[in-house]
């Protein structure tokens, strides 16, 4: 049987990984500056993570959400403490798309409305409602296109209010730092304005933190820079350090009822253990501060890059934008310098999403390679 051919693949076969490095089947060492789409937060094969999952698997790896799971409750308590999101409730699932799907569904239940506002260059996932709220017609099937979504320019608060006046809107979904779209970010005035408008028009504010959450930007969540209190916060990627975990945090103004949401695999014993371990390591190794420190070092080094048009993003969610397409440059970095980097919807932008354990020597390696190629 063949694999369904939907991924253009690089000719690299990783078989082992440790911290910020990946090793292929020929023994070649690659510096991972992409973390598999920002998934690797505490480093590949972190010994504390490996031990925790191994020990949990020797006891129980999975049972359904029809029974008590004290690990999930412990996770909720620790997540509240470390994130600073007090009094929110946790619902766990297994991916970022599932998190956003549940967030949008819950918003529609709560408001009894159907239309969503999303923003140009947004990316929220590939399932039914969230792919409709993703600004890429090429991945939206006719079935998905039945969803009612209004795409607006990022930063135009007046147009947002005019749309809210014109029709019933169940949710505004926003990435405070856009991921796949190319690291664009608006102002605190705009984001606070969205929050005010959501309260005024009985609309749910969803902060999509799937890529930017769990310390990626130097804050626990990217929206915290702007002092927001979203109704729903979606999470995934770095949450499980490679284990498939997602979830939403739900403000106490939104009430639960039996059967409102559900999942088979979400929050199982292994998933909860993986996320608890990520939280433990983030705190014990002070990785959010490291993200800030390494970001400052990266930004300083970037000032010397020739042909650099703009440096975008914050923390360790960064983009180098040039005035030319970067596909060929990324291949040179991969095959000549053994560096994994990321692409985006913007063809001129290299995305940098390394493990939060990255150090200055690794950043030097990247900029030395970039200097040779430019």
Protein backbone atom coordinates (compact mmCIF):
# COMPACT_ATOMS: atom_id res chain seq x y z
CA UNK A 1 0.00 0.00 0.00
CA UNK A 2 1.27 3.49 -0.86
CA UNK A 3 1.07 6.52 1.39
CA UNK A 4 -1.49 9.14 0.35
CA UNK A 5 0.79 11.66 -1.34
CA UNK A 6 -0.08 14.99 0.30
CA UNK A 7 3.32 16.02 1.71
CA UNK A 8 6.30 17.24 -0.34
CA UNK A 9 9.09 15.47 1.53
CA UNK A 10 12.73 16.41 2.03
CA UNK A 11 15.12 13.49 1.52
CA UNK A 12 15.98 13.26 5.23
CA UNK A 13 15.08 10.32 7.49
CA UNK A 14 15.40 11.19 11.19
CA UNK A 15 15.86 8.17 13.47
CA UNK A 16 16.99 9.83 16.70
CA UNK A 17 16.83 13.24 18.39
CA UNK A 18 18.27 14.86 21.49
CA UNK A 19 17.63 18.39 22.77
CA UNK A 20 18.09 20.74 19.76
CA UNK A 21 19.55 18.11 17.42
CA UNK A 22 18.06 15.51 15.06
CA UNK A 23 20.05 12.57 13.64
CA UNK A 24 19.24 10.82 10.37
CA UNK A 25 19.72 7.20 9.29
CA UNK A 26 23.21 8.04 8.00
CA UNK A 27 24.31 9.51 11.34
CA UNK A 28 24.21 13.12 10.15
CA UNK A 29 23.48 15.67 12.89
CA UNK A 30 21.00 18.45 12.12
CA UNK A 31 20.36 21.54 14.23
CA UNK A 32 16.58 21.78 14.68
CA UNK A 33 15.48 25.41 14.42
CA UNK A 34 11.90 24.46 13.57
CA UNK A 35 10.87 21.99 16.25
CA UNK A 36 8.45 20.20 13.94
CA UNK A 37 6.11 23.24 13.63
CA UNK A 38 6.91 24.59 17.14
CA UNK A 39 5.98 21.27 18.75
CA UNK A 40 9.28 20.57 20.53
CA UNK A 41 9.26 22.91 23.51
CA UNK A 42 11.54 21.36 26.17
CA UNK A 43 13.91 19.66 23.71
CA UNK A 44 13.89 16.30 21.96
CA UNK A 45 14.02 13.23 24.24
CA UNK A 46 14.36 15.25 27.43
CA UNK A 47 15.32 12.67 30.11
CA UNK A 48 12.66 13.86 32.58
CA UNK A 49 10.02 13.62 29.83
CA UNK A 50 11.16 10.17 28.70
CA UNK A 51 11.19 8.84 32.26
CA UNK A 52 7.77 10.27 33.08
CA UNK A 53 6.10 8.79 30.01
CA UNK A 54 7.87 5.45 30.44
CA UNK A 55 6.80 5.19 34.08
CA UNK A 56 3.21 6.15 33.26
CA UNK A 57 3.02 3.64 30.41
CA UNK A 58 4.07 0.87 32.79
CA UNK A 59 0.99 1.64 34.90
CA UNK A 60 -1.82 2.80 32.60
CA UNK A 61 -1.55 4.62 29.29
CA UNK A 62 -5.19 5.18 28.43
CA UNK A 63 -8.73 4.99 29.62
CA UNK A 64 -11.72 7.07 28.58
CA UNK A 65 -13.08 10.25 30.13
CA UNK A 66 -15.90 8.20 31.66
CA UNK A 67 -13.72 7.56 34.73
CA UNK A 68 -11.74 9.60 37.22
CA UNK A 69 -8.28 10.73 36.08
CA UNK A 70 -6.37 12.46 38.90
CA UNK A 71 -3.46 13.27 36.54
CA UNK A 72 -5.76 15.43 34.43
CA UNK A 73 -6.98 17.28 37.54
CA UNK A 74 -3.40 17.83 38.72
CA UNK A 75 -2.57 19.18 35.26
CA UNK A 76 -5.48 21.63 35.39
CA UNK A 77 -4.31 22.97 38.76
CA UNK A 78 -0.67 23.31 37.67
CA UNK A 79 -1.66 24.91 34.36
CA UNK A 80 -3.74 27.50 36.19
CA UNK A 81 -0.83 28.33 38.47
CA UNK A 82 1.86 28.57 35.78
CA UNK A 83 -0.19 30.27 33.07
CA UNK A 84 -1.77 32.83 35.38
CA UNK A 85 -5.18 32.11 33.85
CA UNK A 86 -7.12 31.98 37.10
CA UNK A 87 -10.58 30.39 37.35
CA UNK A 88 -10.61 29.06 33.77
CA UNK A 89 -11.74 25.46 33.18
CA UNK A 90 -9.72 22.96 31.12
CA UNK A 91 -11.08 20.73 28.35
CA UNK A 92 -8.48 18.46 26.77
CA UNK A 93 -8.36 17.05 23.25
CA UNK A 94 -5.60 15.79 20.93
CA UNK A 95 -4.59 18.50 18.43
CA UNK A 96 -4.66 22.20 17.65
CA UNK A 97 -7.35 21.78 15.02
CA UNK A 98 -9.51 19.88 17.51
CA UNK A 99 -8.90 22.61 20.10
CA UNK A 100 -10.04 25.36 17.73
CA UNK A 101 -12.96 23.26 16.50
CA UNK A 102 -14.19 22.86 20.07
CA UNK A 103 -13.58 26.54 20.79
CA UNK A 104 -15.70 27.62 17.83
CA UNK A 105 -18.41 25.08 18.60
CA UNK A 106 -18.56 26.17 22.23
CA UNK A 107 -18.79 29.84 21.19
CA UNK A 108 -21.72 29.02 18.93
CA UNK A 109 -23.46 27.07 21.69
CA UNK A 110 -22.89 29.90 24.16
CA UNK A 111 -24.14 32.74 21.94
CA UNK A 112 -26.64 30.81 19.80
CA UNK A 113 -25.05 32.48 16.76
CA UNK A 114 -23.23 30.96 13.76
CA UNK A 115 -20.90 33.44 12.02
CA UNK A 116 -17.21 33.84 12.87
CA UNK A 117 -14.80 36.73 12.31
CA UNK A 118 -11.25 35.69 11.39
CA UNK A 119 -8.38 37.70 9.96
CA UNK A 120 -6.35 37.84 6.77
CA UNK A 121 -3.42 35.37 6.76
CA UNK A 122 -4.93 33.40 9.65
CA UNK A 123 -4.36 29.68 10.13
CA UNK A 124 -6.50 27.78 12.65
CA UNK A 125 -6.40 24.15 11.51
CA UNK A 126 -7.69 21.72 8.91
CA UNK A 127 -10.98 20.44 10.35
CA UNK A 128 -14.47 21.68 9.52
CA UNK A 129 -15.00 25.08 11.13
CA UNK A 130 -11.38 26.00 11.78
CA UNK A 131 -10.28 25.36 8.18
CA UNK A 132 -13.13 27.61 7.07
CA UNK A 133 -11.65 30.25 9.41
CA UNK A 134 -8.22 29.75 7.81
CA UNK A 135 -7.25 32.21 5.10
CA UNK A 136 -6.22 29.68 2.45
CA UNK A 137 -8.92 28.74 -0.11
CA UNK A 138 -6.72 25.89 -1.42
CA UNK A 139 -7.36 23.78 1.70
CA UNK A 140 -11.05 24.63 2.14
CA UNK A 141 -13.33 21.98 0.62
CA UNK A 142 -16.87 22.85 -0.51
CA UNK A 143 -18.17 21.09 2.60
CA UNK A 144 -16.09 23.40 4.80
CA UNK A 145 -16.99 26.50 2.79
CA UNK A 146 -20.58 26.26 4.05
CA UNK A 147 -19.34 27.68 7.36
CA UNK A 148 -20.09 31.38 7.82
CA UNK A 149 -16.78 33.22 8.20
CA UNK A 150 -15.91 36.87 7.58
CA UNK A 151 -12.23 37.59 6.91
CA UNK A 152 -11.11 41.08 7.91
CA UNK A 153 -7.77 42.92 7.71
CA UNK A 154 -5.68 42.60 10.85
CA UNK A 155 -5.75 45.89 12.74
CA UNK A 156 -8.95 47.45 11.32
CA UNK A 157 -11.07 47.85 14.45
CA UNK A 158 -13.68 50.04 12.75
CA UNK A 159 -14.41 47.33 10.18
CA UNK A 160 -14.69 44.75 12.97
CA UNK A 161 -17.34 46.84 14.72
CA UNK A 162 -19.23 47.49 11.48
CA UNK A 163 -19.34 43.73 10.89
CA UNK A 164 -20.55 43.09 14.44
CA UNK A 165 -23.30 45.67 13.91
CA UNK A 166 -24.35 44.18 10.58
CA UNK A 167 -24.88 40.54 11.57
CA UNK A 168 -24.85 38.20 14.58
CA UNK A 169 -21.28 37.00 15.23
CA UNK A 170 -20.63 34.08 17.60
CA UNK A 171 -16.85 34.45 17.85
CA UNK A 172 -13.79 36.44 16.90
CA UNK A 173 -10.78 34.13 16.61
CA UNK A 174 -7.33 35.67 16.64
CA UNK A 175 -3.67 34.66 16.69
CA UNK A 176 -1.87 37.44 18.58
CA UNK A 177 1.23 36.39 16.65
CA UNK A 178 0.27 34.75 13.37
CA UNK A 179 2.06 31.48 12.72
CA UNK A 180 1.67 29.99 9.24
CA UNK A 181 0.55 33.40 7.96
CA UNK A 182 3.99 34.89 8.52
CA UNK A 183 4.47 36.27 12.07
CA UNK A 184 2.30 39.37 11.67
CA UNK A 185 1.06 41.02 14.88
CA UNK A 186 -1.17 44.03 15.49
CA UNK A 187 -1.18 46.53 18.36
CA UNK A 188 -2.34 46.30 21.96
CA UNK A 189 -4.93 48.97 21.09
CA UNK A 190 -6.39 46.67 18.44
CA UNK A 191 -6.47 43.55 20.61
CA UNK A 192 -7.95 45.38 23.60
CA UNK A 193 -10.47 46.90 21.21
CA UNK A 194 -11.52 43.42 20.10
CA UNK A 195 -12.07 42.44 23.72
CA UNK A 196 -14.26 45.50 24.36
CA UNK A 197 -16.29 44.87 21.20
CA UNK A 198 -16.82 41.21 22.10
CA UNK A 199 -18.36 42.22 25.42
CA UNK A 200 -20.46 44.93 23.75
CA UNK A 201 -21.90 42.62 21.07
CA UNK A 202 -22.16 39.35 23.03
CA UNK A 203 -19.40 37.70 21.04
CA UNK A 204 -16.82 35.17 22.26
CA UNK A 205 -13.15 36.17 21.98
CA UNK A 206 -10.99 33.12 21.13
CA UNK A 207 -7.22 33.45 21.50
CA UNK A 208 -5.59 30.85 19.26
CA UNK A 209 -2.40 29.97 21.16
CA UNK A 210 -1.85 26.65 19.39
CA UNK A 211 1.58 27.67 18.14
CA UNK A 212 2.40 30.61 20.40
CA UNK A 213 1.44 29.12 23.77
CA UNK A 214 3.42 27.32 26.48
CA UNK A 215 6.23 29.88 26.65
CA UNK A 216 6.99 30.12 22.94
CA UNK A 217 6.89 33.94 22.90
CA UNK A 218 8.55 34.42 26.29
CA UNK A 219 5.16 34.86 27.97
CA UNK A 220 3.11 31.78 28.78
CA UNK A 221 0.57 32.92 26.17
CA UNK A 222 1.13 35.53 23.46
CA UNK A 223 -2.07 37.44 24.32
CA UNK A 224 -0.72 38.22 27.80
CA UNK A 225 1.56 40.93 26.40
CA UNK A 226 -1.63 42.87 25.60
CA UNK A 227 -3.40 42.32 28.93
CA UNK A 228 -6.34 40.42 27.44
CA UNK A 229 -8.84 38.12 29.13
CA UNK A 230 -10.13 35.88 26.31
CA UNK A 231 -13.28 33.84 26.73
CA UNK A 232 -11.54 30.76 25.27
CA UNK A 233 -7.85 29.96 24.81
CA UNK A 234 -6.83 27.15 22.44
CA UNK A 235 -3.55 25.26 22.93
CA UNK A 236 -1.57 22.36 21.42
CA UNK A 237 1.87 21.95 19.77
CA UNK A 238 4.45 22.72 22.51
CA UNK A 239 1.95 21.54 25.13
CA UNK A 240 3.02 17.90 24.76
CA UNK A 241 6.59 18.19 23.36
CA UNK A 242 5.68 15.75 20.59
CA UNK A 243 2.91 13.78 22.25
CA UNK A 244 -0.40 14.65 20.52
CA UNK A 245 -2.10 16.94 23.03
CA UNK A 246 -4.50 19.85 22.65
CA UNK A 247 -6.90 21.71 24.84
CA UNK A 248 -8.96 24.79 25.51
CA UNK A 249 -9.19 26.99 28.59
CA UNK A 250 -12.72 28.27 29.14
CA UNK A 251 -13.65 31.42 31.05
CA UNK A 252 -16.12 30.93 33.94
CA UNK A 253 -18.71 33.06 32.11
CA UNK A 254 -19.23 30.04 29.80
CA UNK A 255 -21.03 27.24 31.60
CA UNK A 256 -20.56 23.50 31.11
CA UNK A 257 -23.24 20.84 30.74
CA UNK A 258 -22.97 17.08 30.27
CA UNK A 259 -22.42 16.14 26.64
CA UNK A 260 -21.64 19.70 25.49
CA UNK A 261 -18.14 18.65 24.35
CA UNK A 262 -16.49 15.25 24.13
CA UNK A 263 -13.39 13.38 23.02
CA UNK A 264 -12.10 9.82 23.04
CA UNK A 265 -8.37 10.33 23.45
CA UNK A 266 -8.14 13.84 24.89
CA UNK A 267 -6.59 14.10 28.34
CA UNK A 268 -5.67 10.43 28.62
CA UNK A 269 -3.08 9.36 31.17
CA UNK A 270 -0.11 9.62 28.82
CA UNK A 271 -1.24 12.94 27.34
CA UNK A 272 -1.76 14.45 30.77
CA UNK A 273 1.61 13.14 31.95
CA UNK A 274 3.34 14.58 28.89
CA UNK A 275 1.84 18.02 29.49
CA UNK A 276 2.55 17.95 33.23
CA UNK A 277 6.16 17.14 32.46
CA UNK A 278 6.42 20.01 29.99
CA UNK A 279 5.10 22.37 32.68
CA UNK A 280 7.60 20.98 35.21
CA UNK A 281 10.57 21.44 32.88
CA UNK A 282 9.45 24.88 31.70
CA UNK A 283 9.53 25.97 35.32
CA UNK A 284 12.55 24.06 36.64
CA UNK A 285 14.79 25.08 33.72
CA UNK A 286 13.38 28.63 33.49
CA UNK A 287 12.74 28.16 29.77
CA UNK A 288 10.40 31.10 29.34
CA UNK A 289 13.19 33.41 30.46
CA UNK A 290 15.57 31.56 28.16
CA UNK A 291 13.16 32.22 25.29
CA UNK A 292 13.35 35.94 26.04
CA UNK A 293 17.14 35.92 26.42
CA UNK A 294 17.76 33.91 23.26
CA UNK A 295 15.28 36.07 21.36
CA UNK A 296 17.22 39.21 22.31
CA UNK A 297 20.48 37.56 21.22
CA UNK A 298 18.91 36.40 17.93
CA UNK A 299 17.54 39.86 17.18
CA UNK A 300 20.91 41.47 17.80
CA UNK A 301 22.64 38.99 15.49
CA UNK A 302 19.98 39.55 12.81
CA UNK A 303 20.96 43.21 12.49
CA UNK A 304 24.07 42.15 10.55
CA UNK A 305 22.23 39.95 8.03
CA UNK A 306 22.55 41.31 4.49
CA UNK A 307 19.37 41.59 2.41
CA UNK A 308 17.17 41.23 5.49
CA UNK A 309 13.98 43.20 4.91
CA UNK A 310 12.35 42.69 8.31
CA UNK A 311 12.67 40.64 11.50
CA UNK A 312 9.23 39.57 12.75
CA UNK A 313 7.79 37.87 15.81
CA UNK A 314 8.90 37.64 19.43
CA UNK A 315 10.36 35.15 21.84
CA UNK A 316 11.34 32.03 19.92
CA UNK A 317 8.58 32.50 17.37
CA UNK A 318 10.57 34.46 14.81
CA UNK A 319 10.61 35.21 11.10
CA UNK A 320 13.36 36.52 8.83
CA UNK A 321 11.78 38.25 5.84
CA UNK A 322 13.86 38.88 2.72
CA UNK A 323 13.05 40.57 -0.58
CA UNK A 324 13.30 37.25 -2.46
CA UNK A 325 11.71 33.77 -2.16
CA UNK A 326 13.57 31.71 0.44
CA UNK A 327 12.80 28.14 -0.71
CA UNK A 328 16.22 27.66 -2.35
CA UNK A 329 17.99 29.24 0.64
CA UNK A 330 16.19 26.92 3.07
CA UNK A 331 17.30 23.91 1.01
CA UNK A 332 20.90 25.12 1.11
CA UNK A 333 20.68 25.52 4.89
CA UNK A 334 19.25 22.02 5.21
CA UNK A 335 21.49 20.06 2.84
CA UNK A 336 24.74 22.05 3.02
CA UNK A 337 24.65 23.24 6.63
CA UNK A 338 22.31 20.66 8.23
CA UNK A 339 19.87 23.20 9.66
CA UNK A 340 16.11 22.70 9.84
CA UNK A 341 14.12 25.92 9.34
CA UNK A 342 10.47 26.60 8.52
CA UNK A 343 8.43 28.17 5.75
CA UNK A 344 5.20 30.17 5.89
CA UNK A 345 2.46 31.51 3.64
CA UNK A 346 4.84 34.39 2.95
CA UNK A 347 7.30 32.92 0.38
CA UNK A 348 10.02 35.37 1.43
CA UNK A 349 10.04 34.43 5.10
CA UNK A 350 12.08 31.85 7.05
CA UNK A 351 10.39 30.78 10.28
CA UNK A 352 12.50 30.02 13.34
CA UNK A 353 10.72 27.92 16.02
CA UNK A 354 13.45 26.03 17.92
CA UNK A 355 13.16 24.14 21.20
CA UNK A 356 13.07 26.61 24.09
CA UNK A 357 16.34 25.05 25.30
CA UNK A 358 18.35 26.65 22.47
CA UNK A 359 21.61 28.42 23.40
CA UNK A 360 23.72 31.20 21.88
CA UNK A 361 26.15 28.76 20.22
CA UNK A 362 23.26 27.26 18.23
CA UNK A 363 22.12 30.69 17.11
CA UNK A 364 25.70 31.50 16.07
CA UNK A 365 25.74 28.35 13.93
CA UNK A 366 22.63 29.51 12.10
CA UNK A 367 23.87 33.03 11.43
CA UNK A 368 27.28 31.78 10.30
CA UNK A 369 25.58 29.52 7.76
CA UNK A 370 23.28 32.32 6.65
CA UNK A 371 26.25 34.64 6.15
CA UNK A 372 27.95 32.08 3.93
CA UNK A 373 24.88 31.72 1.72
CA UNK A 374 24.08 35.42 1.47
